[in-house]
Amino acid sequence: MKITQQHLFTTPTAPLTGRLLVAEPFLNELYFQRSVILLVHHDQEESMGLVLNHPSEVSTLEVLDDCQFELRIYHGGPVEASQLFYLHSFSHIKAAQQLSEHLFFGGDWLELMHAIQQEKHPERRVRFFSGYSGWGPQQLTDEIATHAWVCISDFDDKALLSKPSATLWHDALVSQGPKLAPFAHFPLNISDN
């Protein structure tokens, strides 16, 4: 079968803060295999994102002093892996960066802890990450041009943190319609086909 332009893993959407990056089906780097990354910063000089669908075996009870709740910590990426970052849907947290209508990055730690303790299901409102994914000048644009990633702007930001991480990559591709949906069904290893 001849591969034509319509079969390329690509979208016309450009990377911007608050958009998703979805890894191509055969990207096999440890941190990025079948990953979905939320861009928390993007400009000409650098890009920063958090891998939303690679949970670790570590919980908040193991790494946070005086923690009263147990939430899984996700592998955000290979950069500064000993640092903790967080996404949430609490619009009232001071100093939080608004990424989209319903998603926020960082903010006042004590206010976040208080908000989490008031929640019956905090796992639907906040996600913690060790490390982040980073790109230098032009690096992300070049990777998108070589079809390592597609950028998505049309997604349900209100439900993003409450969706199961195990199906996030598949669901992100299927939700984009017939151009990207077939990629969601590719085997992890092409020889398994």
C-alpha atoms as a PDB file:
ATOM      1  CA  MET A   1       0.000   0.000   0.000  1.00  0.00           C
ATOM      2  CA  LYS A   2       1.341   3.373  -0.955  1.00  0.00           C
ATOM      3  CA  ILE A   3       1.334   5.880   1.923  1.00  0.00           C
ATOM      4  CA  THR A   4      -0.219   9.153   0.862  1.00  0.00           C
ATOM      5  CA  GLN A   5      -0.531  12.488   2.613  1.00  0.00           C
ATOM      6  CA  GLN A   6      -3.902  11.414   4.038  1.00  0.00           C
ATOM      7  CA  HIS A   7      -2.219   8.533   5.887  1.00  0.00           C
ATOM      8  CA  LEU A   8       0.322  10.681   7.725  1.00  0.00           C
ATOM      9  CA  PHE A   9       0.136  11.151  11.473  1.00  0.00           C
ATOM     10  CA  THR A  10      -0.449  14.897  11.342  1.00  0.00           C
ATOM     11  CA  THR A  11      -2.894  17.693  12.126  1.00  0.00           C
ATOM     12  CA  PRO A  12      -2.888  21.362  11.160  1.00  0.00           C
ATOM     13  CA  THR A  13      -3.067  22.368  14.836  1.00  0.00           C
ATOM     14  CA  ALA A  14       0.021  24.199  16.101  1.00  0.00           C
ATOM     15  CA  PRO A  15       1.429  23.723  19.605  1.00  0.00           C
ATOM     16  CA  LEU A  16       0.252  26.294  22.144  1.00  0.00           C
ATOM     17  CA  THR A  17      -0.049  26.385  25.914  1.00  0.00           C
ATOM     18  CA  GLY A  18      -3.104  24.373  26.956  1.00  0.00           C
ATOM     19  CA  ARG A  19      -3.090  22.026  23.969  1.00  0.00           C
ATOM     20  CA  LEU A  20      -2.412  18.291  23.933  1.00  0.00           C
ATOM     21  CA  LEU A  21       0.420  16.461  22.234  1.00  0.00           C
ATOM     22  CA  VAL A  22      -0.302  12.858  21.293  1.00  0.00           C
ATOM     23  CA  ALA A  23       2.608  10.534  20.504  1.00  0.00           C
ATOM     24  CA  GLU A  24       2.679   8.614  17.243  1.00  0.00           C
ATOM     25  CA  PRO A  25       1.894   4.893  17.644  1.00  0.00           C
ATOM     26  CA  PHE A  26       5.461   3.594  17.330  1.00  0.00           C
ATOM     27  CA  LEU A  27       7.339   6.159  19.383  1.00  0.00           C
ATOM     28  CA  ASN A  28       9.136   3.835  21.795  1.00  0.00           C
ATOM     29  CA  GLU A  29      11.083   6.184  24.053  1.00  0.00           C
ATOM     30  CA  LEU A  30      10.526   5.269  27.697  1.00  0.00           C
ATOM     31  CA  TYR A  31       8.781   8.455  28.811  1.00  0.00           C
ATOM     32  CA  PHE A  32       6.851   9.067  25.617  1.00  0.00           C
ATOM     33  CA  GLN A  33       5.519   5.715  24.408  1.00  0.00           C
ATOM     34  CA  ARG A  34       1.833   6.262  23.603  1.00  0.00           C
ATOM     35  CA  SER A  35       1.863   9.385  25.723  1.00  0.00           C
ATOM     36  CA  VAL A  36      -0.552  12.284  25.917  1.00  0.00           C
ATOM     37  CA  ILE A  37       1.111  15.493  27.057  1.00  0.00           C
ATOM     38  CA  LEU A  38      -0.569  18.698  28.166  1.00  0.00           C
ATOM     39  CA  LEU A  39       1.516  21.719  27.188  1.00  0.00           C
ATOM     40  CA  VAL A  40       1.782  23.986  30.218  1.00  0.00           C
ATOM     41  CA  HIS A  41       4.116  26.409  28.429  1.00  0.00           C
ATOM     42  CA  HIS A  42       5.045  27.012  24.801  1.00  0.00           C
ATOM     43  CA  ASP A  43       6.878  29.878  23.127  1.00  0.00           C
ATOM     44  CA  GLN A  44       9.723  30.403  20.640  1.00  0.00           C
ATOM     45  CA  GLU A  45      12.388  29.574  23.236  1.00  0.00           C
ATOM     46  CA  GLU A  46      11.017  26.505  24.988  1.00  0.00           C
ATOM     47  CA  SER A  47       8.115  24.173  25.567  1.00  0.00           C
ATOM     48  CA  MET A  48       7.101  22.386  28.742  1.00  0.00           C
ATOM     49  CA  GLY A  49       4.480  19.677  29.172  1.00  0.00           C
ATOM     50  CA  LEU A  50       3.283  16.956  31.522  1.00  0.00           C
ATOM     51  CA  VAL A  51       2.657  13.351  30.472  1.00  0.00           C
ATOM     52  CA  LEU A  52      -0.924  12.687  31.571  1.00  0.00           C
ATOM     53  CA  ASN A  53      -1.099   8.925  31.128  1.00  0.00           C
ATOM     54  CA  HIS A  54       2.023   7.350  32.642  1.00  0.00           C
ATOM     55  CA  PRO A  55       1.299   6.665  36.326  1.00  0.00           C
ATOM     56  CA  SER A  56       4.100   5.658  38.656  1.00  0.00           C
ATOM     57  CA  GLU A  57       3.875   3.188  41.517  1.00  0.00           C
ATOM     58  CA  VAL A  58       4.430   6.030  44.000  1.00  0.00           C
ATOM     59  CA  SER A  59       1.654   7.852  45.844  1.00  0.00           C
ATOM     60  CA  THR A  60       1.430  11.178  47.622  1.00  0.00           C
ATOM     61  CA  LEU A  61       1.493   9.389  50.999  1.00  0.00           C
ATOM     62  CA  GLU A  62       5.047   8.246  50.237  1.00  0.00           C
ATOM     63  CA  VAL A  63       6.517  11.598  49.219  1.00  0.00           C
ATOM     64  CA  LEU A  64       4.542  14.403  50.883  1.00  0.00           C
ATOM     65  CA  ASP A  65       5.024  15.208  54.567  1.00  0.00           C
ATOM     66  CA  ASP A  66       1.826  15.182  56.642  1.00  0.00           C
ATOM     67  CA  CYS A  67      -0.224  14.095  53.631  1.00  0.00           C
ATOM     68  CA  GLN A  68      -3.840  13.194  54.438  1.00  0.00           C
ATOM     69  CA  PHE A  69      -4.794  11.792  51.023  1.00  0.00           C
ATOM     70  CA  GLU A  70      -3.484   9.142  48.668  1.00  0.00           C
ATOM     71  CA  LEU A  71      -3.165  10.024  45.003  1.00  0.00           C
ATOM     72  CA  ARG A  72      -0.979   8.376  42.399  1.00  0.00           C
ATOM     73  CA  ILE A  73       1.988  10.396  41.147  1.00  0.00           C
ATOM     74  CA  TYR A  74       2.517  10.381  37.383  1.00  0.00           C
ATOM     75  CA  HIS A  75       5.766  10.469  35.397  1.00  0.00           C
ATOM     76  CA  GLY A  76       5.548  13.973  33.923  1.00  0.00           C
ATOM     77  CA  GLY A  77       8.723  13.556  31.898  1.00  0.00           C
ATOM     78  CA  PRO A  78      12.473  13.121  32.180  1.00  0.00           C
ATOM     79  CA  VAL A  79      13.382  16.708  33.133  1.00  0.00           C
ATOM     80  CA  GLU A  80      13.755  17.520  36.852  1.00  0.00           C
ATOM     81  CA  ALA A  81      12.276  14.150  37.823  1.00  0.00           C
ATOM     82  CA  SER A  82      12.836  14.863  41.528  1.00  0.00           C
ATOM     83  CA  GLN A  83      10.544  17.911  41.369  1.00  0.00           C
ATOM     84  CA  LEU A  84       6.781  17.717  41.944  1.00  0.00           C
ATOM     85  CA  PHE A  85       4.379  19.522  39.596  1.00  0.00           C
ATOM     86  CA  TYR A  86       0.594  19.575  39.600  1.00  0.00           C
ATOM     87  CA  LEU A  87      -2.425  20.173  37.393  1.00  0.00           C
ATOM     88  CA  HIS A  88      -5.853  20.822  38.831  1.00  0.00           C
ATOM     89  CA  SER A  89      -9.324  22.159  38.115  1.00  0.00           C
ATOM     90  CA  PHE A  90      -9.579  24.539  41.106  1.00  0.00           C
ATOM     91  CA  SER A  91     -10.099  28.013  39.650  1.00  0.00           C
ATOM     92  CA  HIS A  92      -9.746  29.770  43.028  1.00  0.00           C
ATOM     93  CA  ILE A  93      -6.131  28.734  43.755  1.00  0.00           C
ATOM     94  CA  LYS A  94      -3.949  31.852  43.899  1.00  0.00           C
ATOM     95  CA  ALA A  95      -1.024  32.112  41.471  1.00  0.00           C
ATOM     96  CA  ALA A  96      -2.231  29.134  39.408  1.00  0.00           C
ATOM     97  CA  GLN A  97      -1.663  29.485  35.665  1.00  0.00           C
ATOM     98  CA  GLN A  98      -4.872  28.990  33.714  1.00  0.00           C
ATOM     99  CA  LEU A  99      -4.216  26.647  30.778  1.00  0.00           C
ATOM    100  CA  SER A 100      -7.776  26.311  29.503  1.00  0.00           C
ATOM    101  CA  GLU A 101     -11.261  26.997  30.793  1.00  0.00           C
ATOM    102  CA  HIS A 102     -11.086  24.178  33.366  1.00  0.00           C
ATOM    103  CA  LEU A 103      -7.371  23.358  33.789  1.00  0.00           C
ATOM    104  CA  PHE A 104      -4.777  25.106  35.946  1.00  0.00           C
ATOM    105  CA  PHE A 105      -1.074  24.563  36.548  1.00  0.00           C
ATOM    106  CA  GLY A 106       0.627  25.114  39.901  1.00  0.00           C
ATOM    107  CA  GLY A 107      -0.474  27.762  42.353  1.00  0.00           C
ATOM    108  CA  ASP A 108      -0.471  28.253  46.105  1.00  0.00           C
ATOM    109  CA  TRP A 109       0.427  24.930  47.752  1.00  0.00           C
ATOM    110  CA  LEU A 110      -1.492  25.459  51.004  1.00  0.00           C
ATOM    111  CA  GLU A 111      -4.657  26.465  49.172  1.00  0.00           C
ATOM    112  CA  LEU A 112      -4.341  23.397  46.975  1.00  0.00           C
ATOM    113  CA  MET A 113      -3.944  21.107  50.012  1.00  0.00           C
ATOM    114  CA  HIS A 114      -7.038  22.650  51.602  1.00  0.00           C
ATOM    115  CA  ALA A 115      -9.055  22.270  48.378  1.00  0.00           C
ATOM    116  CA  ILE A 116      -8.031  18.614  48.028  1.00  0.00           C
ATOM    117  CA  GLN A 117      -9.072  17.842  51.621  1.00  0.00           C
ATOM    118  CA  GLN A 118     -12.545  19.238  50.885  1.00  0.00           C
ATOM    119  CA  GLU A 119     -13.038  16.911  47.927  1.00  0.00           C
ATOM    120  CA  LYS A 120     -14.770  13.545  48.117  1.00  0.00           C
ATOM    121  CA  HIS A 121     -12.947  12.430  44.932  1.00  0.00           C
ATOM    122  CA  PRO A 122      -9.781  14.548  44.625  1.00  0.00           C
ATOM    123  CA  GLU A 123      -8.392  12.199  41.953  1.00  0.00           C
ATOM    124  CA  ARG A 124     -10.930  13.767  39.569  1.00  0.00           C
ATOM    125  CA  ARG A 125      -9.667  17.307  40.251  1.00  0.00           C
ATOM    126  CA  VAL A 126      -5.878  17.129  40.655  1.00  0.00           C
ATOM    127  CA  ARG A 127      -2.932  15.184  39.292  1.00  0.00           C
ATOM    128  CA  PHE A 128       0.660  15.204  40.587  1.00  0.00           C
ATOM    129  CA  PHE A 129       3.729  14.650  38.402  1.00  0.00           C
ATOM    130  CA  SER A 130       7.381  13.908  39.025  1.00  0.00           C
ATOM    131  CA  GLY A 131       9.339  15.798  36.401  1.00  0.00           C
ATOM    132  CA  TYR A 132       8.232  17.325  33.144  1.00  0.00           C
ATOM    133  CA  SER A 133       8.802  17.048  29.420  1.00  0.00           C
ATOM    134  CA  GLY A 134      10.828  19.859  27.883  1.00  0.00           C
ATOM    135  CA  TRP A 135      11.904  21.039  24.455  1.00  0.00           C
ATOM    136  CA  GLY A 136      14.380  23.740  23.412  1.00  0.00           C
ATOM    137  CA  PRO A 137      13.998  26.292  20.612  1.00  0.00           C
ATOM    138  CA  GLN A 138      12.378  24.776  17.507  1.00  0.00           C
ATOM    139  CA  GLN A 139      12.755  21.229  18.903  1.00  0.00           C
ATOM    140  CA  LEU A 140       9.046  20.495  19.389  1.00  0.00           C
ATOM    141  CA  THR A 141       8.138  22.065  16.047  1.00  0.00           C
ATOM    142  CA  ASP A 142      10.730  19.844  14.357  1.00  0.00           C
ATOM    143  CA  GLU A 143       9.402  16.717  16.104  1.00  0.00           C
ATOM    144  CA  ILE A 144       5.849  17.558  15.004  1.00  0.00           C
ATOM    145  CA  ALA A 145       7.100  18.089  11.430  1.00  0.00           C
ATOM    146  CA  THR A 146       8.597  14.574  11.460  1.00  0.00           C
ATOM    147  CA  HIS A 147       5.253  13.171  12.681  1.00  0.00           C
ATOM    148  CA  ALA A 148       6.408  12.140  16.158  1.00  0.00           C
ATOM    149  CA  TRP A 149       3.478  14.090  17.641  1.00  0.00           C
ATOM    150  CA  VAL A 150       0.150  15.531  16.696  1.00  0.00           C
ATOM    151  CA  CYS A 151      -1.213  18.557  18.461  1.00  0.00           C
ATOM    152  CA  ILE A 152      -4.864  18.608  19.557  1.00  0.00           C
ATOM    153  CA  SER A 153      -6.885  21.615  20.653  1.00  0.00           C
ATOM    154  CA  ASP A 154     -10.326  20.003  20.625  1.00  0.00           C
ATOM    155  CA  PHE A 155     -10.657  17.978  23.830  1.00  0.00           C
ATOM    156  CA  ASP A 156     -12.828  17.930  26.954  1.00  0.00           C
ATOM    157  CA  ASP A 157     -10.670  19.844  29.432  1.00  0.00           C
ATOM    158  CA  LYS A 158     -13.335  19.572  32.132  1.00  0.00           C
ATOM    159  CA  ALA A 159     -13.141  15.760  32.173  1.00  0.00           C
ATOM    160  CA  LEU A 160      -9.455  15.327  31.296  1.00  0.00           C
ATOM    161  CA  LEU A 161      -8.211  14.667  34.849  1.00  0.00           C
ATOM    162  CA  SER A 162     -11.014  12.221  35.621  1.00  0.00           C
ATOM    163  CA  LYS A 163     -10.554  10.043  32.522  1.00  0.00           C
ATOM    164  CA  PRO A 164      -8.738   6.717  32.972  1.00  0.00           C
ATOM    165  CA  SER A 165      -5.092   7.207  32.076  1.00  0.00           C
ATOM    166  CA  ALA A 166      -4.863   3.710  30.542  1.00  0.00           C
ATOM    167  CA  THR A 167      -7.181   4.672  27.656  1.00  0.00           C
ATOM    168  CA  LEU A 168      -6.276   8.352  27.304  1.00  0.00           C
ATOM    169  CA  TRP A 169      -3.977   7.916  24.261  1.00  0.00           C
ATOM    170  CA  HIS A 170      -6.516   5.769  22.405  1.00  0.00           C
ATOM    171  CA  ASP A 171      -9.444   8.017  23.323  1.00  0.00           C
ATOM    172  CA  ALA A 172      -7.593  11.203  22.316  1.00  0.00           C
ATOM    173  CA  LEU A 173      -6.976   9.842  18.826  1.00  0.00           C
ATOM    174  CA  VAL A 174     -10.463   8.401  18.354  1.00  0.00           C
ATOM    175  CA  SER A 175     -12.064  11.679  19.452  1.00  0.00           C
ATOM    176  CA  GLN A 176     -10.365  13.473  16.543  1.00  0.00           C
ATOM    177  CA  GLY A 177     -12.387  11.640  13.919  1.00  0.00           C
ATOM    178  CA  PRO A 178     -11.554   9.468  10.920  1.00  0.00           C
ATOM    179  CA  LYS A 179      -8.198  11.064  10.084  1.00  0.00           C
ATOM    180  CA  LEU A 180      -6.529  10.042  13.383  1.00  0.00           C
ATOM    181  CA  ALA A 181      -8.831   7.317  14.750  1.00  0.00           C
ATOM    182  CA  PRO A 182      -7.200   4.473  12.749  1.00  0.00           C
ATOM    183  CA  PHE A 183      -3.865   5.166  14.477  1.00  0.00           C
ATOM    184  CA  ALA A 184      -5.495   4.355  17.843  1.00  0.00           C
ATOM    185  CA  HIS A 185      -5.839   0.732  16.740  1.00  0.00           C
ATOM    186  CA  PHE A 186      -2.239   0.186  15.655  1.00  0.00           C
ATOM    187  CA  PRO A 187      -0.444  -2.528  17.646  1.00  0.00           C
ATOM    188  CA  LEU A 188       2.304  -1.407  19.982  1.00  0.00           C
ATOM    189  CA  ASN A 189       4.754  -3.536  18.013  1.00  0.00           C
ATOM    190  CA  ILE A 190       4.245  -3.503  14.228  1.00  0.00           C
ATOM    191  CA  SER A 191       5.391  -7.126  14.006  1.00  0.00           C
ATOM    192  CA  ASP A 192       2.330  -8.099  16.080  1.00  0.00           C
ATOM    193  CA  ASN A 193       0.095  -7.080  13.186  1.00  0.00           C
END
